[in-house]
Amino acid sequence: GIAWDGANEDILVCNENSNSLSIISGNTLQVRKTVGSQLNEPFAVAITPRQRGFGFARDVYFGYILNRNGTVAVFESGPNSVNGWGYDDVLPLDGLWAV
C-alpha cells in the first residue's frame, strides 16, 4: 500500500515483508523515517488531510494502516521536536483496532 498526503508532504509506504512503514519526504523523495510498532504485515494505508480548523485542530494528519491480521494501526504526523505537536510515529494504543 502507498498513500500521499494531500499537502504533498509525505508519502507513506507499507513494507509488508519487514512489518514496517516508510515515511518518504514528498520534497526530496528520500526515506525520512521507518516505523514498525504495532505493524503486522501492513498492506494498505489511507491518509487524512491535516486537521486545520476541524477535528482536534492540531495541524497533524493521520495514516490508517491495515495489517494482514485484520487490525488497524494509526500513524500520527509530526514534528515531534521540543516544540512539536505530533507524535510522528504509530500511536501506542492499548489494543489494535480490529476490522
PDB file of N, CA and C in Angstrom:
ATOM      1  N   GLY A   1       0.817  -1.183   0.000  1.00  0.00           N
ATOM      2  CA  GLY A   1       0.000   0.000   0.000  1.00  0.00           C
ATOM      3  C   GLY A   1       0.857   1.241   0.000  1.00  0.00           C
ATOM      4  N   ILE A   2       0.351   2.262  -0.620  1.00  0.00           N
ATOM      5  CA  ILE A   2       1.047   3.543  -0.684  1.00  0.00           C
ATOM      6  C   ILE A   2       0.009   4.659  -0.669  1.00  0.00           C
ATOM      7  N   ALA A   3       0.321   5.751   0.029  1.00  0.00           N
ATOM      8  CA  ALA A   3      -0.582   6.899   0.077  1.00  0.00           C
ATOM      9  C   ALA A   3       0.257   8.170   0.178  1.00  0.00           C
ATOM     10  N   TRP A   4      -0.222   9.227  -0.483  1.00  0.00           N
ATOM     11  CA  TRP A   4       0.454  10.516  -0.484  1.00  0.00           C
ATOM     12  C   TRP A   4      -0.486  11.509   0.165  1.00  0.00           C
ATOM     13  N   ASP A   5       0.020  12.243   1.181  1.00  0.00           N
ATOM     14  CA  ASP A   5      -0.888  13.153   1.877  1.00  0.00           C
ATOM     15  C   ASP A   5      -1.265  14.328   0.984  1.00  0.00           C
ATOM     16  N   GLY A   6      -2.415  14.916   1.255  1.00  0.00           N
ATOM     17  CA  GLY A   6      -2.991  15.953   0.404  1.00  0.00           C
ATOM     18  C   GLY A   6      -2.150  17.200   0.244  1.00  0.00           C
ATOM     19  N   ALA A   7      -1.255  17.479   1.178  1.00  0.00           N
ATOM     20  CA  ALA A   7      -0.403  18.664   1.091  1.00  0.00           C
ATOM     21  C   ALA A   7       0.921  18.353   0.396  1.00  0.00           C
ATOM     22  N   ASN A   8       1.032  17.157  -0.188  1.00  0.00           N
ATOM     23  CA  ASN A   8       2.248  16.720  -0.882  1.00  0.00           C
ATOM     24  C   ASN A   8       3.483  16.738   0.015  1.00  0.00           C
ATOM     25  N   GLU A   9       3.272  16.460   1.282  1.00  0.00           N
ATOM     26  CA  GLU A   9       4.369  16.499   2.243  1.00  0.00           C
ATOM     27  C   GLU A   9       5.043  15.146   2.414  1.00  0.00           C
ATOM     28  N   ASP A  10       4.260  14.114   2.702  1.00  0.00           N
ATOM     29  CA  ASP A  10       4.798  12.781   2.967  1.00  0.00           C
ATOM     30  C   ASP A  10       4.139  11.736   2.083  1.00  0.00           C
ATOM     31  N   ILE A  11       4.900  10.689   1.822  1.00  0.00           N
ATOM     32  CA  ILE A  11       4.399   9.504   1.135  1.00  0.00           C
ATOM     33  C   ILE A  11       4.573   8.354   2.118  1.00  0.00           C
ATOM     34  N   LEU A  12       3.495   7.661   2.425  1.00  0.00           N
ATOM     35  CA  LEU A  12       3.561   6.523   3.336  1.00  0.00           C
ATOM     36  C   LEU A  12       3.517   5.236   2.523  1.00  0.00           C
ATOM     37  N   VAL A  13       4.467   4.346   2.787  1.00  0.00           N
ATOM     38  CA  VAL A  13       4.594   3.104   2.033  1.00  0.00           C
ATOM     39  C   VAL A  13       4.626   1.925   2.997  1.00  0.00           C
ATOM     40  N   CYS A  14       3.717   0.977   2.800  1.00  0.00           N
ATOM     41  CA  CYS A  14       3.686  -0.241   3.609  1.00  0.00           C
ATOM     42  C   CYS A  14       4.775  -1.194   3.133  1.00  0.00           C
ATOM     43  N   ASN A  15       5.551  -1.708   4.073  1.00  0.00           N
ATOM     44  CA  ASN A  15       6.579  -2.713   3.794  1.00  0.00           C
ATOM     45  C   ASN A  15       6.116  -4.017   4.432  1.00  0.00           C
ATOM     46  N   GLU A  16       5.320  -4.768   3.685  1.00  0.00           N
ATOM     47  CA  GLU A  16       4.669  -5.950   4.240  1.00  0.00           C
ATOM     48  C   GLU A  16       5.662  -6.989   4.745  1.00  0.00           C
ATOM     49  N   ASN A  17       6.718  -7.243   4.005  1.00  0.00           N
ATOM     50  CA  ASN A  17       7.663  -8.299   4.385  1.00  0.00           C
ATOM     51  C   ASN A  17       8.512  -7.942   5.595  1.00  0.00           C
ATOM     52  N   SER A  18       8.708  -6.638   5.854  1.00  0.00           N
ATOM     53  CA  SER A  18       9.534  -6.250   7.002  1.00  0.00           C
ATOM     54  C   SER A  18       8.711  -5.687   8.161  1.00  0.00           C
ATOM     55  N   ASN A  19       7.364  -5.797   8.080  1.00  0.00           N
ATOM     56  CA  ASN A  19       6.493  -5.322   9.150  1.00  0.00           C
ATOM     57  C   ASN A  19       6.787  -3.874   9.537  1.00  0.00           C
ATOM     58  N   SER A  20       6.882  -3.008   8.523  1.00  0.00           N
ATOM     59  CA  SER A  20       7.205  -1.618   8.795  1.00  0.00           C
ATOM     60  C   SER A  20       6.486  -0.689   7.824  1.00  0.00           C
ATOM     61  N   LEU A  21       6.592   0.609   8.107  1.00  0.00           N
ATOM     62  CA  LEU A  21       6.022   1.651   7.275  1.00  0.00           C
ATOM     63  C   LEU A  21       7.108   2.682   7.039  1.00  0.00           C
ATOM     64  N   SER A  22       7.379   3.001   5.771  1.00  0.00           N
ATOM     65  CA  SER A  22       8.362   4.026   5.439  1.00  0.00           C
ATOM     66  C   SER A  22       7.647   5.342   5.199  1.00  0.00           C
ATOM     67  N   ILE A  23       8.200   6.412   5.774  1.00  0.00           N
ATOM     68  CA  ILE A  23       7.684   7.753   5.547  1.00  0.00           C
ATOM     69  C   ILE A  23       8.706   8.448   4.666  1.00  0.00           C
ATOM     70  N   ILE A  24       8.282   8.774   3.458  1.00  0.00           N
ATOM     71  CA  ILE A  24       9.165   9.370   2.453  1.00  0.00           C
ATOM     72  C   ILE A  24       8.810  10.834   2.303  1.00  0.00           C
ATOM     73  N   SER A  25       9.829  11.692   2.282  1.00  0.00           N
ATOM     74  CA  SER A  25       9.606  13.122   2.077  1.00  0.00           C
ATOM     75  C   SER A  25       9.100  13.356   0.665  1.00  0.00           C
ATOM     76  N   GLY A  26       7.994  14.082   0.535  1.00  0.00           N
ATOM     77  CA  GLY A  26       7.451  14.396  -0.780  1.00  0.00           C
ATOM     78  C   GLY A  26       8.319  15.373  -1.547  1.00  0.00           C
ATOM     79  N   ASN A  27       9.164  16.124  -0.839  1.00  0.00           N
ATOM     80  CA  ASN A  27      10.050  17.100  -1.482  1.00  0.00           C
ATOM     81  C   ASN A  27      11.320  16.475  -2.024  1.00  0.00           C
ATOM     82  N   THR A  28      11.951  15.606  -1.226  1.00  0.00           N
ATOM     83  CA  THR A  28      13.240  15.037  -1.624  1.00  0.00           C
ATOM     84  C   THR A  28      13.130  13.607  -2.142  1.00  0.00           C
ATOM     85  N   LEU A  29      11.988  12.958  -1.892  1.00  0.00           N
ATOM     86  CA  LEU A  29      11.773  11.540  -2.229  1.00  0.00           C
ATOM     87  C   LEU A  29      12.769  10.622  -1.527  1.00  0.00           C
ATOM     88  N   GLN A  30      13.252  11.055  -0.351  1.00  0.00           N
ATOM     89  CA  GLN A  30      14.141  10.254   0.481  1.00  0.00           C
ATOM     90  C   GLN A  30      13.358   9.745   1.692  1.00  0.00           C
ATOM     91  N   VAL A  31      13.679   8.534   2.140  1.00  0.00           N
ATOM     92  CA  VAL A  31      13.045   7.994   3.343  1.00  0.00           C
ATOM     93  C   VAL A  31      13.507   8.842   4.526  1.00  0.00           C
ATOM     94  N   ARG A  32      12.556   9.454   5.222  1.00  0.00           N
ATOM     95  CA  ARG A  32      12.908  10.271   6.383  1.00  0.00           C
ATOM     96  C   ARG A  32      12.753   9.504   7.678  1.00  0.00           C
ATOM     97  N   LYS A  33      11.970   8.419   7.636  1.00  0.00           N
ATOM     98  CA  LYS A  33      11.746   7.632   8.845  1.00  0.00           C
ATOM     99  C   LYS A  33      11.104   6.304   8.466  1.00  0.00           C
ATOM    100  N   THR A  34      11.428   5.262   9.228  1.00  0.00           N
ATOM    101  CA  THR A  34      10.769   3.970   9.104  1.00  0.00           C
ATOM    102  C   THR A  34      10.297   3.567  10.492  1.00  0.00           C
ATOM    103  N   VAL A  35       9.027   3.192  10.585  1.00  0.00           N
ATOM    104  CA  VAL A  35       8.449   2.799  11.873  1.00  0.00           C
ATOM    105  C   VAL A  35       7.921   1.370  11.775  1.00  0.00           C
ATOM    106  N   GLY A  36       7.878   0.688  12.918  1.00  0.00           N
ATOM    107  CA  GLY A  36       7.425  -0.700  12.887  1.00  0.00           C
ATOM    108  C   GLY A  36       6.531  -1.100  14.039  1.00  0.00           C
ATOM    109  N   SER A  37       6.311  -0.188  14.972  1.00  0.00           N
ATOM    110  CA  SER A  37       5.488  -0.503  16.131  1.00  0.00           C
ATOM    111  C   SER A  37       4.052  -0.830  15.713  1.00  0.00           C
ATOM    112  N   GLN A  38       3.511  -1.913  16.252  1.00  0.00           N
ATOM    113  CA  GLN A  38       2.129  -2.348  16.054  1.00  0.00           C
ATOM    114  C   GLN A  38       1.791  -2.698  14.598  1.00  0.00           C
ATOM    115  N   LEU A  39       2.795  -2.985  13.801  1.00  0.00           N
ATOM    116  CA  LEU A  39       2.558  -3.354  12.406  1.00  0.00           C
ATOM    117  C   LEU A  39       2.799  -4.841  12.222  1.00  0.00           C
ATOM    118  N   ASN A  40       1.876  -5.498  11.515  1.00  0.00           N
ATOM    119  CA  ASN A  40       1.952  -6.926  11.258  1.00  0.00           C
ATOM    120  C   ASN A  40       1.585  -7.160   9.805  1.00  0.00           C
ATOM    121  N   GLU A  41       2.592  -7.227   8.948  1.00  0.00           N
ATOM    122  CA  GLU A  41       2.402  -7.368   7.508  1.00  0.00           C
ATOM    123  C   GLU A  41       1.436  -6.299   6.979  1.00  0.00           C
ATOM    124  N   PRO A  42       1.763  -5.013   7.180  1.00  0.00           N
ATOM    125  CA  PRO A  42       0.875  -3.946   6.704  1.00  0.00           C
ATOM    126  C   PRO A  42       0.785  -3.970   5.184  1.00  0.00           C
ATOM    127  N   PHE A  43      -0.436  -3.799   4.659  1.00  0.00           N
ATOM    128  CA  PHE A  43      -0.567  -3.885   3.206  1.00  0.00           C
ATOM    129  C   PHE A  43      -1.424  -2.779   2.600  1.00  0.00           C
ATOM    130  N   ALA A  44      -2.083  -1.973   3.420  1.00  0.00           N
ATOM    131  CA  ALA A  44      -2.895  -0.873   2.897  1.00  0.00           C
ATOM    132  C   ALA A  44      -2.798   0.311   3.849  1.00  0.00           C
ATOM    133  N   VAL A  45      -2.863   1.520   3.280  1.00  0.00           N
ATOM    134  CA  VAL A  45      -2.765   2.727   4.097  1.00  0.00           C
ATOM    135  C   VAL A  45      -3.632   3.816   3.479  1.00  0.00           C
ATOM    136  N   ALA A  46      -4.231   4.631   4.334  1.00  0.00           N
ATOM    137  CA  ALA A  46      -5.013   5.795   3.901  1.00  0.00           C
ATOM    138  C   ALA A  46      -4.622   6.966   4.787  1.00  0.00           C
ATOM    139  N   ILE A  47      -4.596   8.176   4.226  1.00  0.00           N
ATOM    140  CA  ILE A  47      -4.172   9.363   4.955  1.00  0.00           C
ATOM    141  C   ILE A  47      -5.315  10.372   5.005  1.00  0.00           C
ATOM    142  N   THR A  48      -5.480  11.012   6.166  1.00  0.00           N
ATOM    143  CA  THR A  48      -6.454  12.092   6.303  1.00  0.00           C
ATOM    144  C   THR A  48      -5.784  13.420   5.944  1.00  0.00           C
ATOM    145  N   PRO A  49      -6.575  14.444   5.649  1.00  0.00           N
ATOM    146  CA  PRO A  49      -5.985  15.780   5.495  1.00  0.00           C
ATOM    147  C   PRO A  49      -5.479  16.280   6.851  1.00  0.00           C
ATOM    148  N   ARG A  50      -4.590  17.264   6.826  1.00  0.00           N
ATOM    149  CA  ARG A  50      -4.152  17.888   8.080  1.00  0.00           C
ATOM    150  C   ARG A  50      -5.348  18.520   8.772  1.00  0.00           C
ATOM    151  N   GLN A  51      -5.386  18.438  10.070  1.00  0.00           N
ATOM    152  CA  GLN A  51      -6.516  18.947  10.843  1.00  0.00           C
ATOM    153  C   GLN A  51      -6.326  20.428  11.167  1.00  0.00           C
ATOM    154  N   ARG A  52      -6.647  21.260  10.212  1.00  0.00           N
ATOM    155  CA  ARG A  52      -6.592  22.710  10.389  1.00  0.00           C
ATOM    156  C   ARG A  52      -8.019  23.224  10.488  1.00  0.00           C
ATOM    157  N   GLY A  53      -8.412  23.669  11.653  1.00  0.00           N
ATOM    158  CA  GLY A  53      -9.749  24.219  11.817  1.00  0.00           C
ATOM    159  C   GLY A  53     -10.857  23.188  11.943  1.00  0.00           C
ATOM    160  N   PHE A  54     -10.533  21.912  12.078  1.00  0.00           N
ATOM    161  CA  PHE A  54     -11.540  20.872  12.307  1.00  0.00           C
ATOM    162  C   PHE A  54     -10.909  19.761  13.123  1.00  0.00           C
ATOM    163  N   GLY A  55     -11.702  18.817  13.551  1.00  0.00           N
ATOM    164  CA  GLY A  55     -11.184  17.713  14.357  1.00  0.00           C
ATOM    165  C   GLY A  55     -10.570  18.246  15.642  1.00  0.00           C
ATOM    166  N   PHE A  56      -9.358  17.815  15.935  1.00  0.00           N
ATOM    167  CA  PHE A  56      -8.658  18.305  17.118  1.00  0.00           C
ATOM    168  C   PHE A  56      -7.953  19.629  16.844  1.00  0.00           C
ATOM    169  N   ALA A  57      -7.949  20.096  15.584  1.00  0.00           N
ATOM    170  CA  ALA A  57      -7.306  21.357  15.171  1.00  0.00           C
ATOM    171  C   ALA A  57      -5.844  21.408  15.604  1.00  0.00           C
ATOM    172  N   ARG A  58      -5.154  20.264  15.532  1.00  0.00           N
ATOM    173  CA  ARG A  58      -3.753  20.191  15.941  1.00  0.00           C
ATOM    174  C   ARG A  58      -2.800  20.286  14.768  1.00  0.00           C
ATOM    175  N   ASP A  59      -3.309  20.411  13.544  1.00  0.00           N
ATOM    176  CA  ASP A  59      -2.481  20.557  12.353  1.00  0.00           C
ATOM    177  C   ASP A  59      -1.630  19.305  12.087  1.00  0.00           C
ATOM    178  N   VAL A  60      -2.136  18.151  12.465  1.00  0.00           N
ATOM    179  CA  VAL A  60      -1.481  16.889  12.146  1.00  0.00           C
ATOM    180  C   VAL A  60      -2.359  16.131  11.161  1.00  0.00           C
ATOM    181  N   TYR A  61      -1.784  15.141  10.501  1.00  0.00           N
ATOM    182  CA  TYR A  61      -2.596  14.224   9.699  1.00  0.00           C
ATOM    183  C   TYR A  61      -2.438  12.832  10.282  1.00  0.00           C
ATOM    184  N   PHE A  62      -3.366  11.966   9.975  1.00  0.00           N
ATOM    185  CA  PHE A  62      -3.322  10.586  10.454  1.00  0.00           C
ATOM    186  C   PHE A  62      -3.249   9.628   9.276  1.00  0.00           C
ATOM    187  N   GLY A  63      -2.498   8.560   9.440  1.00  0.00           N
ATOM    188  CA  GLY A  63      -2.454   7.470   8.479  1.00  0.00           C
ATOM    189  C   GLY A  63      -3.031   6.233   9.138  1.00  0.00           C
ATOM    190  N   TYR A  64      -3.986   5.603   8.477  1.00  0.00           N
ATOM    191  CA  TYR A  64      -4.601   4.385   8.998  1.00  0.00           C
ATOM    192  C   TYR A  64      -4.029   3.214   8.208  1.00  0.00           C
ATOM    193  N   ILE A  65      -3.376   2.290   8.913  1.00  0.00           N
ATOM    194  CA  ILE A  65      -2.638   1.197   8.289  1.00  0.00           C
ATOM    195  C   ILE A  65      -3.352  -0.118   8.588  1.00  0.00           C
ATOM    196  N   LEU A  66      -3.708  -0.833   7.529  1.00  0.00           N
ATOM    197  CA  LEU A  66      -4.374  -2.125   7.673  1.00  0.00           C
ATOM    198  C   LEU A  66      -3.337  -3.238   7.651  1.00  0.00           C
ATOM    199  N   ASN A  67      -3.356  -4.058   8.701  1.00  0.00           N
ATOM    200  CA  ASN A  67      -2.446  -5.194   8.818  1.00  0.00           C
ATOM    201  C   ASN A  67      -3.121  -6.466   8.306  1.00  0.00           C
ATOM    202  N   ARG A  68      -2.312  -7.435   7.897  1.00  0.00           N
ATOM    203  CA  ARG A  68      -2.846  -8.713   7.394  1.00  0.00           C
ATOM    204  C   ARG A  68      -3.642  -9.464   8.443  1.00  0.00           C
ATOM    205  N   ASN A  69      -3.366  -9.223   9.723  1.00  0.00           N
ATOM    206  CA  ASN A  69      -4.096  -9.942  10.766  1.00  0.00           C
ATOM    207  C   ASN A  69      -5.446  -9.290  11.084  1.00  0.00           C
ATOM    208  N   GLY A  70      -5.839  -8.277  10.287  1.00  0.00           N
ATOM    209  CA  GLY A  70      -7.146  -7.665  10.449  1.00  0.00           C
ATOM    210  C   GLY A  70      -7.201  -6.498  11.410  1.00  0.00           C
ATOM    211  N   THR A  71      -6.056  -6.061  11.928  1.00  0.00           N
ATOM    212  CA  THR A  71      -6.028  -4.911  12.822  1.00  0.00           C
ATOM    213  C   THR A  71      -5.638  -3.652  12.056  1.00  0.00           C
ATOM    214  N   VAL A  72      -5.942  -2.501  12.663  1.00  0.00           N
ATOM    215  CA  VAL A  72      -5.592  -1.210  12.079  1.00  0.00           C
ATOM    216  C   VAL A  72      -4.689  -0.471  13.061  1.00  0.00           C
ATOM    217  N   ALA A  73      -3.555   0.021  12.566  1.00  0.00           N
ATOM    218  CA  ALA A  73      -2.664   0.855  13.364  1.00  0.00           C
ATOM    219  C   ALA A  73      -2.824   2.293  12.875  1.00  0.00           C
ATOM    220  N   VAL A  74      -2.566   3.262  13.760  1.00  0.00           N
ATOM    221  CA  VAL A  74      -2.750   4.669  13.426  1.00  0.00           C
ATOM    222  C   VAL A  74      -1.420   5.400  13.535  1.00  0.00           C
ATOM    223  N   PHE A  75      -1.010   6.044  12.427  1.00  0.00           N
ATOM    224  CA  PHE A  75       0.185   6.878  12.395  1.00  0.00           C
ATOM    225  C   PHE A  75      -0.240   8.327  12.558  1.00  0.00           C
ATOM    226  N   GLU A  76       0.422   9.071  13.461  1.00  0.00           N
ATOM    227  CA  GLU A  76       0.163  10.500  13.616  1.00  0.00           C
ATOM    228  C   GLU A  76       1.401  11.255  13.164  1.00  0.00           C
ATOM    229  N   SER A  77       1.212  12.256  12.293  1.00  0.00           N
ATOM    230  CA  SER A  77       2.338  13.017  11.781  1.00  0.00           C
ATOM    231  C   SER A  77       2.954  13.888  12.864  1.00  0.00           C
ATOM    232  N   GLY A  78       4.076  14.475  12.555  1.00  0.00           N
ATOM    233  CA  GLY A  78       4.810  15.321  13.489  1.00  0.00           C
ATOM    234  C   GLY A  78       4.768  16.769  13.076  1.00  0.00           C
ATOM    235  N   PRO A  79       5.752  17.524  13.450  1.00  0.00           N
ATOM    236  CA  PRO A  79       7.021  17.081  14.048  1.00  0.00           C
ATOM    237  C   PRO A  79       6.893  16.784  15.535  1.00  0.00           C
ATOM    238  N   ASN A  80       7.849  15.982  16.011  1.00  0.00           N
ATOM    239  CA  ASN A  80       7.808  15.574  17.417  1.00  0.00           C
ATOM    240  C   ASN A  80       8.957  16.190  18.203  1.00  0.00           C
ATOM    241  N   SER A  81       9.465  17.326  17.757  1.00  0.00           N
ATOM    242  CA  SER A  81      10.567  18.000  18.449  1.00  0.00           C
ATOM    243  C   SER A  81      10.064  18.639  19.746  1.00  0.00           C
ATOM    244  N   VAL A  82      10.936  19.382  20.417  1.00  0.00           N
ATOM    245  CA  VAL A  82      10.582  20.013  21.685  1.00  0.00           C
ATOM    246  C   VAL A  82       9.342  20.887  21.526  1.00  0.00           C
ATOM    247  N   ASN A  83       9.268  21.646  20.461  1.00  0.00           N
ATOM    248  CA  ASN A  83       8.105  22.498  20.216  1.00  0.00           C
ATOM    249  C   ASN A  83       7.117  21.862  19.256  1.00  0.00           C
ATOM    250  N   GLY A  84       7.302  20.579  18.973  1.00  0.00           N
ATOM    251  CA  GLY A  84       6.423  19.873  18.047  1.00  0.00           C
ATOM    252  C   GLY A  84       5.061  19.601  18.649  1.00  0.00           C
ATOM    253  N   TRP A  85       4.150  19.200  17.808  1.00  0.00           N
ATOM    254  CA  TRP A  85       2.779  18.980  18.261  1.00  0.00           C
ATOM    255  C   TRP A  85       2.259  17.603  17.888  1.00  0.00           C
ATOM    256  N   GLY A  86       3.042  16.825  17.158  1.00  0.00           N
ATOM    257  CA  GLY A  86       2.592  15.499  16.744  1.00  0.00           C
ATOM    258  C   GLY A  86       3.538  14.412  17.211  1.00  0.00           C
ATOM    259  N   TYR A  87       3.086  13.197  17.143  1.00  0.00           N
ATOM    260  CA  TYR A  87       3.846  12.038  17.611  1.00  0.00           C
ATOM    261  C   TYR A  87       4.870  11.577  16.575  1.00  0.00           C
ATOM    262  N   ASP A  88       4.568  11.728  15.287  1.00  0.00           N
ATOM    263  CA  ASP A  88       5.417  11.305  14.171  1.00  0.00           C
ATOM    264  C   ASP A  88       5.803   9.828  14.272  1.00  0.00           C
ATOM    265  N   ASP A  89       4.823   9.021  14.644  1.00  0.00           N
ATOM    266  CA  ASP A  89       5.038   7.588  14.797  1.00  0.00           C
ATOM    267  C   ASP A  89       3.670   6.909  14.864  1.00  0.00           C
ATOM    268  N   VAL A  90       3.693   5.587  14.920  1.00  0.00           N
ATOM    269  CA  VAL A  90       2.458   4.842  15.128  1.00  0.00           C
ATOM    270  C   VAL A  90       2.048   5.050  16.578  1.00  0.00           C
ATOM    271  N   LEU A  91       0.790   5.397  16.795  1.00  0.00           N
ATOM    272  CA  LEU A  91       0.314   5.683  18.145  1.00  0.00           C
ATOM    273  C   LEU A  91       0.307   4.420  18.997  1.00  0.00           C
ATOM    274  N   PRO A  92       0.766   4.541  20.232  1.00  0.00           N
ATOM    275  CA  PRO A  92       0.754   3.384  21.133  1.00  0.00           C
ATOM    276  C   PRO A  92      -0.640   3.193  21.725  1.00  0.00           C
ATOM    277  N   LEU A  93      -1.440   2.386  21.076  1.00  0.00           N
ATOM    278  CA  LEU A  93      -2.796   2.133  21.538  1.00  0.00           C
ATOM    279  C   LEU A  93      -2.810   0.927  22.460  1.00  0.00           C
ATOM    280  N   ASP A  94      -3.751   0.915  23.391  1.00  0.00           N
ATOM    281  CA  ASP A  94      -3.849  -0.225  24.315  1.00  0.00           C
ATOM    282  C   ASP A  94      -4.092  -1.526  23.568  1.00  0.00           C
ATOM    283  N   GLY A  95      -4.960  -1.464  22.586  1.00  0.00           N
ATOM    284  CA  GLY A  95      -5.241  -2.625  21.759  1.00  0.00           C
ATOM    285  C   GLY A  95      -5.451  -2.169  20.337  1.00  0.00           C
ATOM    286  N   LEU A  96      -4.997  -2.928  19.392  1.00  0.00           N
ATOM    287  CA  LEU A  96      -5.190  -2.552  17.997  1.00  0.00           C
ATOM    288  C   LEU A  96      -6.651  -2.687  17.624  1.00  0.00           C
ATOM    289  N   TRP A  97      -7.083  -1.846  16.729  1.00  0.00           N
ATOM    290  CA  TRP A  97      -8.466  -1.904  16.276  1.00  0.00           C
ATOM    291  C   TRP A  97      -8.651  -3.089  15.358  1.00  0.00           C
ATOM    292  N   ALA A  98      -9.669  -3.862  15.595  1.00  0.00           N
ATOM    293  CA  ALA A  98      -9.970  -4.992  14.731  1.00  0.00           C
ATOM    294  C   ALA A  98     -10.934  -4.532  13.632  1.00  0.00           C
ATOM    295  N   VAL A  99     -10.720  -5.027  12.441  1.00  0.00           N
ATOM    296  CA  VAL A  99     -11.562  -4.664  11.318  1.00  0.00           C
ATOM    297  C   VAL A  99     -12.630  -5.704  11.142  1.00  0.00           C
TER     298      VAL A  99
END
